[in-house]
Amino acid sequence: MDSSTLQQIIKGLSPRMLEELHRLAARGQGTSGLGNLRMGGGTEGALYRRGLIGKGVDGRGWTGYFLSPRGWSVLHYLNGTVRPADPGRLDLETALAEAYAPYRVLIADSDEWDRHTGHQSEADRTLVHTTLDRILAELETGRTMTVVHNAEGPAKRAYYWVQRARIDGHPVHQELHLDRDELESVVNTGADICLVFTHDGGGRIAELAKAAGITVRHASQV
């Protein structure tokens, strides 16, 4: 594709569209690279209509977006990004299976809450429940959620949130770990996010999560 054509394409792209192209490229999966799993609205729909991304659907009806050759050409023109060689790419089925794996939420403990067991307020309960509600609501259709926690501090509130979510019919699972000696192995199993609900840093769980490269967020940042 010649440079004048590429310049015309780039002129018609919003900053959000360019950001999405770079996000797809960063996954390193070439033209089978999984993108956003929503059904073609907004930014993904605009890129798809311009021929910059393609769409694949597997036998379960799950949808994944990936960079098309034209999309790779635009990124190469902008910053020299090169499409990965075929052996380094995931096929669509594998990429979708990875993306639809349960979203794991690790609940950090709290020395602050542990010191005041029995005095946790309704505000505490609301904080935990509304934060987990937000995360659940933002998951892609078809993806489940697993809440990983012990039995102390904010975890007590998370436990009851899972029970309520199950009663309401949501695809939520639970991993309850009572032995504090298991913490390191639990964290090493991995999580998509570690939630901290107080301002004491989240205790040992949050420390281990940071060391393992897991995203740690205070509830107010979710």
C-alpha atoms as a PDB file:
ATOM      1  CA  MET A   1       0.000   0.000   0.000  1.00  0.00           C
ATOM      2  CA  ASP A   2       1.510   3.353  -1.021  1.00  0.00           C
ATOM      3  CA  SER A   3       2.212   6.142   1.475  1.00  0.00           C
ATOM      4  CA  SER A   4      -0.424   8.565   0.123  1.00  0.00           C
ATOM      5  CA  THR A   5      -3.176   5.979   0.629  1.00  0.00           C
ATOM      6  CA  LEU A   6      -1.933   5.255   4.135  1.00  0.00           C
ATOM      7  CA  GLN A   7      -1.865   8.965   4.960  1.00  0.00           C
ATOM      8  CA  GLN A   8      -5.497   9.298   3.848  1.00  0.00           C
ATOM      9  CA  ILE A   9      -6.527   6.358   6.014  1.00  0.00           C
ATOM     10  CA  ILE A  10      -4.680   7.731   9.041  1.00  0.00           C
ATOM     11  CA  LYS A  11      -6.299  11.159   8.618  1.00  0.00           C
ATOM     12  CA  GLY A  12      -9.695   9.568   9.130  1.00  0.00           C
ATOM     13  CA  LEU A  13      -8.768   7.834  12.380  1.00  0.00           C
ATOM     14  CA  SER A  14      -9.590   9.224  15.789  1.00  0.00           C
ATOM     15  CA  PRO A  15      -7.091   8.991  18.685  1.00  0.00           C
ATOM     16  CA  ARG A  16      -9.272   6.242  20.179  1.00  0.00           C
ATOM     17  CA  MET A  17      -9.078   4.225  16.930  1.00  0.00           C
ATOM     18  CA  LEU A  18      -5.291   4.544  16.823  1.00  0.00           C
ATOM     19  CA  GLU A  19      -5.092   3.504  20.471  1.00  0.00           C
ATOM     20  CA  GLU A  20      -7.144   0.397  19.705  1.00  0.00           C
ATOM     21  CA  LEU A  21      -4.901  -0.560  16.767  1.00  0.00           C
ATOM     22  CA  HIS A  22      -1.846  -0.323  19.015  1.00  0.00           C
ATOM     23  CA  ARG A  23      -3.602  -2.348  21.713  1.00  0.00           C
ATOM     24  CA  LEU A  24      -4.310  -5.147  19.251  1.00  0.00           C
ATOM     25  CA  ALA A  25      -0.742  -5.133  17.960  1.00  0.00           C
ATOM     26  CA  ALA A  26       0.619  -5.331  21.510  1.00  0.00           C
ATOM     27  CA  ARG A  27      -1.003  -8.737  21.943  1.00  0.00           C
ATOM     28  CA  GLY A  28       1.577 -10.124  19.529  1.00  0.00           C
ATOM     29  CA  GLN A  29      -0.735 -12.579  17.823  1.00  0.00           C
ATOM     30  CA  GLY A  30      -0.654 -11.317  14.243  1.00  0.00           C
ATOM     31  CA  THR A  31      -3.790 -11.629  12.163  1.00  0.00           C
ATOM     32  CA  SER A  32      -5.261 -14.065  14.653  1.00  0.00           C
ATOM     33  CA  GLY A  33      -4.671 -11.601  17.460  1.00  0.00           C
ATOM     34  CA  LEU A  34      -7.667 -11.407  19.749  1.00  0.00           C
ATOM     35  CA  GLY A  35      -9.207  -8.002  20.204  1.00  0.00           C
ATOM     36  CA  ASN A  36     -12.234  -6.646  21.993  1.00  0.00           C
ATOM     37  CA  LEU A  37     -14.965  -9.250  22.307  1.00  0.00           C
ATOM     38  CA  ARG A  38     -17.954  -6.963  21.981  1.00  0.00           C
ATOM     39  CA  MET A  39     -20.100  -7.337  18.921  1.00  0.00           C
ATOM     40  CA  GLY A  40     -18.824  -4.630  16.591  1.00  0.00           C
ATOM     41  CA  GLY A  41     -20.098  -1.331  17.971  1.00  0.00           C
ATOM     42  CA  GLY A  42     -18.124   1.829  18.677  1.00  0.00           C
ATOM     43  CA  THR A  43     -14.404   1.872  17.981  1.00  0.00           C
ATOM     44  CA  GLU A  44     -14.155  -1.763  16.865  1.00  0.00           C
ATOM     45  CA  GLY A  45     -17.069  -1.336  14.471  1.00  0.00           C
ATOM     46  CA  ALA A  46     -15.490   1.768  12.934  1.00  0.00           C
ATOM     47  CA  LEU A  47     -12.156   0.002  12.417  1.00  0.00           C
ATOM     48  CA  TYR A  48     -13.893  -3.073  11.010  1.00  0.00           C
ATOM     49  CA  ARG A  49     -15.820  -0.981   8.450  1.00  0.00           C
ATOM     50  CA  ARG A  50     -12.545   0.619   7.345  1.00  0.00           C
ATOM     51  CA  GLY A  51     -10.974  -2.798   6.798  1.00  0.00           C
ATOM     52  CA  LEU A  52      -8.318  -2.258   9.484  1.00  0.00           C
ATOM     53  CA  ILE A  53      -9.450  -5.172  11.613  1.00  0.00           C
ATOM     54  CA  GLY A  54     -11.195  -8.433  10.835  1.00  0.00           C
ATOM     55  CA  LYS A  55     -13.655 -10.477  12.854  1.00  0.00           C
ATOM     56  CA  GLY A  56     -13.650 -14.188  13.625  1.00  0.00           C
ATOM     57  CA  VAL A  57     -16.374 -16.318  15.203  1.00  0.00           C
ATOM     58  CA  ASP A  58     -15.765 -19.792  16.587  1.00  0.00           C
ATOM     59  CA  GLY A  59     -18.190 -22.697  16.916  1.00  0.00           C
ATOM     60  CA  ARG A  60     -19.559 -21.372  20.213  1.00  0.00           C
ATOM     61  CA  GLY A  61     -20.468 -18.043  18.671  1.00  0.00           C
ATOM     62  CA  TRP A  62     -17.726 -16.144  20.510  1.00  0.00           C
ATOM     63  CA  THR A  63     -16.377 -13.212  18.521  1.00  0.00           C
ATOM     64  CA  GLY A  64     -12.805 -11.915  18.365  1.00  0.00           C
ATOM     65  CA  TYR A  65     -11.269  -9.007  16.461  1.00  0.00           C
ATOM     66  CA  PHE A  66      -7.805  -9.089  14.912  1.00  0.00           C
ATOM     67  CA  LEU A  67      -5.608  -6.777  12.864  1.00  0.00           C
ATOM     68  CA  SER A  68      -6.020  -7.136   9.114  1.00  0.00           C
ATOM     69  CA  PRO A  69      -3.085  -6.733   6.685  1.00  0.00           C
ATOM     70  CA  ARG A  70      -4.269  -3.145   6.120  1.00  0.00           C
ATOM     71  CA  GLY A  71      -4.208  -2.497   9.883  1.00  0.00           C
ATOM     72  CA  TRP A  72      -0.653  -3.819  10.124  1.00  0.00           C
ATOM     73  CA  SER A  73       0.338  -1.601   7.181  1.00  0.00           C
ATOM     74  CA  VAL A  74      -0.966   1.480   8.984  1.00  0.00           C
ATOM     75  CA  LEU A  75       0.983   0.642  12.154  1.00  0.00           C
ATOM     76  CA  HIS A  76       4.138  -0.131  10.198  1.00  0.00           C
ATOM     77  CA  TYR A  77       3.876   3.240   8.454  1.00  0.00           C
ATOM     78  CA  LEU A  78       3.311   5.066  11.767  1.00  0.00           C
ATOM     79  CA  ASN A  79       5.983   3.493  13.948  1.00  0.00           C
ATOM     80  CA  GLY A  80       7.568   0.508  12.210  1.00  0.00           C
ATOM     81  CA  THR A  81       5.436  -2.129  13.978  1.00  0.00           C
ATOM     82  CA  VAL A  82       5.829  -5.468  12.197  1.00  0.00           C
ATOM     83  CA  ARG A  83       3.302  -8.290  12.126  1.00  0.00           C
ATOM     84  CA  PRO A  84       4.613 -11.361  14.031  1.00  0.00           C
ATOM     85  CA  ALA A  85       5.667 -14.399  12.033  1.00  0.00           C
ATOM     86  CA  ASP A  86       3.001 -17.102  11.653  1.00  0.00           C
ATOM     87  CA  PRO A  87       4.593 -19.573  14.127  1.00  0.00           C
ATOM     88  CA  GLY A  88       4.266 -17.005  16.901  1.00  0.00           C
ATOM     89  CA  ARG A  89       0.519 -16.505  16.497  1.00  0.00           C
ATOM     90  CA  LEU A  90      -2.359 -18.119  18.332  1.00  0.00           C
ATOM     91  CA  ASP A  91      -5.208 -19.568  16.314  1.00  0.00           C
ATOM     92  CA  LEU A  92      -8.618 -18.001  16.866  1.00  0.00           C
ATOM     93  CA  GLU A  93      -9.961 -20.842  19.021  1.00  0.00           C
ATOM     94  CA  THR A  94      -6.988 -20.724  21.399  1.00  0.00           C
ATOM     95  CA  ALA A  95      -7.046 -16.932  21.598  1.00  0.00           C
ATOM     96  CA  LEU A  96     -10.755 -16.893  22.388  1.00  0.00           C
ATOM     97  CA  ALA A  97     -10.350 -19.626  24.991  1.00  0.00           C
ATOM     98  CA  GLU A  98      -7.679 -17.498  26.704  1.00  0.00           C
ATOM     99  CA  ALA A  99      -9.836 -14.388  26.646  1.00  0.00           C
ATOM    100  CA  TYR A 100     -12.907 -16.182  27.978  1.00  0.00           C
ATOM    101  CA  ALA A 101     -11.013 -17.826  30.845  1.00  0.00           C
ATOM    102  CA  PRO A 102     -12.567 -16.843  34.189  1.00  0.00           C
ATOM    103  CA  TYR A 103     -11.759 -13.282  35.255  1.00  0.00           C
ATOM    104  CA  ARG A 104      -9.932 -13.825  38.538  1.00  0.00           C
ATOM    105  CA  VAL A 105     -10.359 -11.235  41.289  1.00  0.00           C
ATOM    106  CA  LEU A 106      -8.013 -11.553  44.262  1.00  0.00           C
ATOM    107  CA  ILE A 107      -9.264  -9.908  47.460  1.00  0.00           C
ATOM    108  CA  ALA A 108      -6.496  -8.342  49.569  1.00  0.00           C
ATOM    109  CA  ASP A 109      -6.621  -8.745  53.321  1.00  0.00           C
ATOM    110  CA  SER A 110      -6.581  -5.861  55.765  1.00  0.00           C
ATOM    111  CA  ASP A 111      -4.996  -5.499  59.194  1.00  0.00           C
ATOM    112  CA  GLU A 112      -7.234  -2.478  59.679  1.00  0.00           C
ATOM    113  CA  TRP A 113     -10.445  -4.462  59.198  1.00  0.00           C
ATOM    114  CA  ASP A 114      -9.116  -7.469  61.127  1.00  0.00           C
ATOM    115  CA  ARG A 115      -8.588  -5.277  64.215  1.00  0.00           C
ATOM    116  CA  HIS A 116     -12.223  -4.206  64.115  1.00  0.00           C
ATOM    117  CA  THR A 117     -13.922  -7.526  63.385  1.00  0.00           C
ATOM    118  CA  GLY A 118     -17.549  -7.269  64.388  1.00  0.00           C
ATOM    119  CA  HIS A 119     -17.565  -3.513  63.867  1.00  0.00           C
ATOM    120  CA  GLN A 120     -17.512  -3.412  60.088  1.00  0.00           C
ATOM    121  CA  SER A 121     -20.181  -1.027  58.921  1.00  0.00           C
ATOM    122  CA  GLU A 122     -22.834  -1.147  56.261  1.00  0.00           C
ATOM    123  CA  ALA A 123     -20.578   1.224  54.317  1.00  0.00           C
ATOM    124  CA  ASP A 124     -17.884  -1.473  54.314  1.00  0.00           C
ATOM    125  CA  ARG A 125     -20.318  -4.022  52.937  1.00  0.00           C
ATOM    126  CA  THR A 126     -21.537  -1.583  50.309  1.00  0.00           C
ATOM    127  CA  LEU A 127     -17.974  -0.770  49.225  1.00  0.00           C
ATOM    128  CA  VAL A 128     -17.097  -4.420  48.604  1.00  0.00           C
ATOM    129  CA  HIS A 129     -20.404  -5.318  46.970  1.00  0.00           C
ATOM    130  CA  THR A 130     -20.619  -2.311  44.653  1.00  0.00           C
ATOM    131  CA  THR A 131     -16.991  -2.748  43.530  1.00  0.00           C
ATOM    132  CA  LEU A 132     -17.544  -6.407  42.646  1.00  0.00           C
ATOM    133  CA  ASP A 133     -20.854  -5.489  40.982  1.00  0.00           C
ATOM    134  CA  ARG A 134     -19.018  -3.025  38.702  1.00  0.00           C
ATOM    135  CA  ILE A 135     -16.409  -5.579  37.705  1.00  0.00           C
ATOM    136  CA  LEU A 136     -19.054  -8.216  36.967  1.00  0.00           C
ATOM    137  CA  ALA A 137     -21.119  -5.782  34.886  1.00  0.00           C
ATOM    138  CA  GLU A 138     -18.125  -4.910  32.694  1.00  0.00           C
ATOM    139  CA  LEU A 139     -17.158  -8.491  31.813  1.00  0.00           C
ATOM    140  CA  GLU A 140     -17.609  -9.622  28.212  1.00  0.00           C
ATOM    141  CA  THR A 141     -20.744 -11.657  27.578  1.00  0.00           C
ATOM    142  CA  GLY A 142     -19.985 -15.321  28.184  1.00  0.00           C
ATOM    143  CA  ARG A 143     -17.074 -14.767  30.550  1.00  0.00           C
ATOM    144  CA  THR A 144     -17.238 -16.009  34.135  1.00  0.00           C
ATOM    145  CA  MET A 145     -15.702 -14.486  37.249  1.00  0.00           C
ATOM    146  CA  THR A 146     -13.811 -16.173  40.094  1.00  0.00           C
ATOM    147  CA  VAL A 147     -13.344 -14.418  43.434  1.00  0.00           C
ATOM    148  CA  VAL A 148     -10.254 -15.635  45.296  1.00  0.00           C
ATOM    149  CA  HIS A 149     -10.036 -14.802  49.001  1.00  0.00           C
ATOM    150  CA  ASN A 150      -9.340 -15.900  52.550  1.00  0.00           C
ATOM    151  CA  ALA A 151     -11.726 -15.531  55.489  1.00  0.00           C
ATOM    152  CA  GLU A 152     -10.566 -12.245  56.989  1.00  0.00           C
ATOM    153  CA  GLY A 153     -11.379  -8.558  56.576  1.00  0.00           C
ATOM    154  CA  PRO A 154     -12.914  -7.591  53.210  1.00  0.00           C
ATOM    155  CA  ALA A 155     -12.979 -11.285  52.220  1.00  0.00           C
ATOM    156  CA  LYS A 156     -15.951 -11.844  54.542  1.00  0.00           C
ATOM    157  CA  ARG A 157     -17.951  -9.306  52.558  1.00  0.00           C
ATOM    158  CA  ALA A 158     -16.743 -10.817  49.267  1.00  0.00           C
ATOM    159  CA  TYR A 159     -17.912 -14.248  50.413  1.00  0.00           C
ATOM    160  CA  TYR A 160     -21.484 -13.041  50.877  1.00  0.00           C
ATOM    161  CA  TRP A 161     -21.354 -11.119  47.593  1.00  0.00           C
ATOM    162  CA  VAL A 162     -20.586 -14.371  45.742  1.00  0.00           C
ATOM    163  CA  GLN A 163     -23.526 -16.114  47.420  1.00  0.00           C
ATOM    164  CA  ARG A 164     -25.854 -13.291  46.397  1.00  0.00           C
ATOM    165  CA  ALA A 165     -24.529 -13.197  42.842  1.00  0.00           C
ATOM    166  CA  ARG A 166     -25.078 -16.939  42.464  1.00  0.00           C
ATOM    167  CA  ILE A 167     -28.652 -16.661  43.721  1.00  0.00           C
ATOM    168  CA  ASP A 168     -29.197 -13.946  41.108  1.00  0.00           C
ATOM    169  CA  GLY A 169     -27.972 -16.355  38.434  1.00  0.00           C
ATOM    170  CA  HIS A 170     -24.608 -14.759  37.631  1.00  0.00           C
ATOM    171  CA  PRO A 171     -21.677 -16.934  36.446  1.00  0.00           C
ATOM    172  CA  VAL A 172     -19.561 -16.359  39.556  1.00  0.00           C
ATOM    173  CA  HIS A 173     -17.261 -18.853  41.265  1.00  0.00           C
ATOM    174  CA  GLN A 174     -15.288 -18.786  44.475  1.00  0.00           C
ATOM    175  CA  GLU A 175     -11.926 -19.977  45.779  1.00  0.00           C
ATOM    176  CA  LEU A 176     -11.745 -19.819  49.556  1.00  0.00           C
ATOM    177  CA  HIS A 177      -8.318 -20.307  51.161  1.00  0.00           C
ATOM    178  CA  LEU A 178      -8.231 -20.486  54.956  1.00  0.00           C
ATOM    179  CA  ASP A 179      -4.551 -21.320  55.449  1.00  0.00           C
ATOM    180  CA  ARG A 180      -2.364 -18.196  55.434  1.00  0.00           C
ATOM    181  CA  ASP A 181       0.616 -20.392  54.548  1.00  0.00           C
ATOM    182  CA  GLU A 182      -1.022 -20.970  51.161  1.00  0.00           C
ATOM    183  CA  LEU A 183      -0.971 -17.282  50.237  1.00  0.00           C
ATOM    184  CA  GLU A 184       2.109 -17.380  48.049  1.00  0.00           C
ATOM    185  CA  SER A 185       0.930 -20.370  46.016  1.00  0.00           C
ATOM    186  CA  VAL A 186      -2.536 -18.823  45.690  1.00  0.00           C
ATOM    187  CA  VAL A 187      -1.083 -15.586  44.315  1.00  0.00           C
ATOM    188  CA  ASN A 188       1.267 -17.474  41.995  1.00  0.00           C
ATOM    189  CA  THR A 189      -1.775 -19.136  40.432  1.00  0.00           C
ATOM    190  CA  GLY A 190      -2.482 -15.709  38.965  1.00  0.00           C
ATOM    191  CA  ALA A 191      -5.267 -13.141  38.892  1.00  0.00           C
ATOM    192  CA  ASP A 192      -6.467 -10.372  36.605  1.00  0.00           C
ATOM    193  CA  ILE A 193      -6.714  -7.882  39.452  1.00  0.00           C
ATOM    194  CA  CYS A 194      -6.072  -7.658  43.195  1.00  0.00           C
ATOM    195  CA  LEU A 195      -8.577  -5.446  45.031  1.00  0.00           C
ATOM    196  CA  VAL A 196      -7.654  -3.391  48.090  1.00  0.00           C
ATOM    197  CA  PHE A 197     -10.519  -1.915  50.117  1.00  0.00           C
ATOM    198  CA  THR A 198      -8.705  -0.013  52.863  1.00  0.00           C
ATOM    199  CA  HIS A 199      -5.823   2.438  53.032  1.00  0.00           C
ATOM    200  CA  ASP A 200      -3.406   0.172  54.909  1.00  0.00           C
ATOM    201  CA  GLY A 201      -1.919  -1.181  51.674  1.00  0.00           C
ATOM    202  CA  GLY A 202      -3.773  -4.467  51.413  1.00  0.00           C
ATOM    203  CA  GLY A 203      -1.489  -6.520  53.630  1.00  0.00           C
ATOM    204  CA  ARG A 204       0.589  -9.508  52.622  1.00  0.00           C
ATOM    205  CA  ILE A 205      -1.703 -10.529  49.748  1.00  0.00           C
ATOM    206  CA  ALA A 206      -1.274  -7.179  48.000  1.00  0.00           C
ATOM    207  CA  GLU A 207       2.502  -7.316  48.525  1.00  0.00           C
ATOM    208  CA  LEU A 208       2.693 -10.756  46.936  1.00  0.00           C
ATOM    209  CA  ALA A 209       0.378  -9.706  44.100  1.00  0.00           C
ATOM    210  CA  LYS A 210       2.569  -6.704  43.222  1.00  0.00           C
ATOM    211  CA  ALA A 211       5.667  -8.897  43.268  1.00  0.00           C
ATOM    212  CA  ALA A 212       3.933 -11.355  40.926  1.00  0.00           C
ATOM    213  CA  GLY A 213       3.042  -8.595  38.447  1.00  0.00           C
ATOM    214  CA  ILE A 214      -0.689  -8.659  39.200  1.00  0.00           C
ATOM    215  CA  THR A 215      -2.497  -5.329  38.872  1.00  0.00           C
ATOM    216  CA  VAL A 216      -3.336  -4.012  42.350  1.00  0.00           C
ATOM    217  CA  ARG A 217      -6.129  -1.433  42.595  1.00  0.00           C
ATOM    218  CA  HIS A 218      -7.916   0.277  45.429  1.00  0.00           C
ATOM    219  CA  ALA A 219     -11.690  -0.099  45.145  1.00  0.00           C
ATOM    220  CA  SER A 220     -11.995   3.635  44.457  1.00  0.00           C
ATOM    221  CA  GLN A 221      -9.943   3.167  41.252  1.00  0.00           C
ATOM    222  CA  VAL A 222     -12.127   0.437  39.781  1.00  0.00           C
END
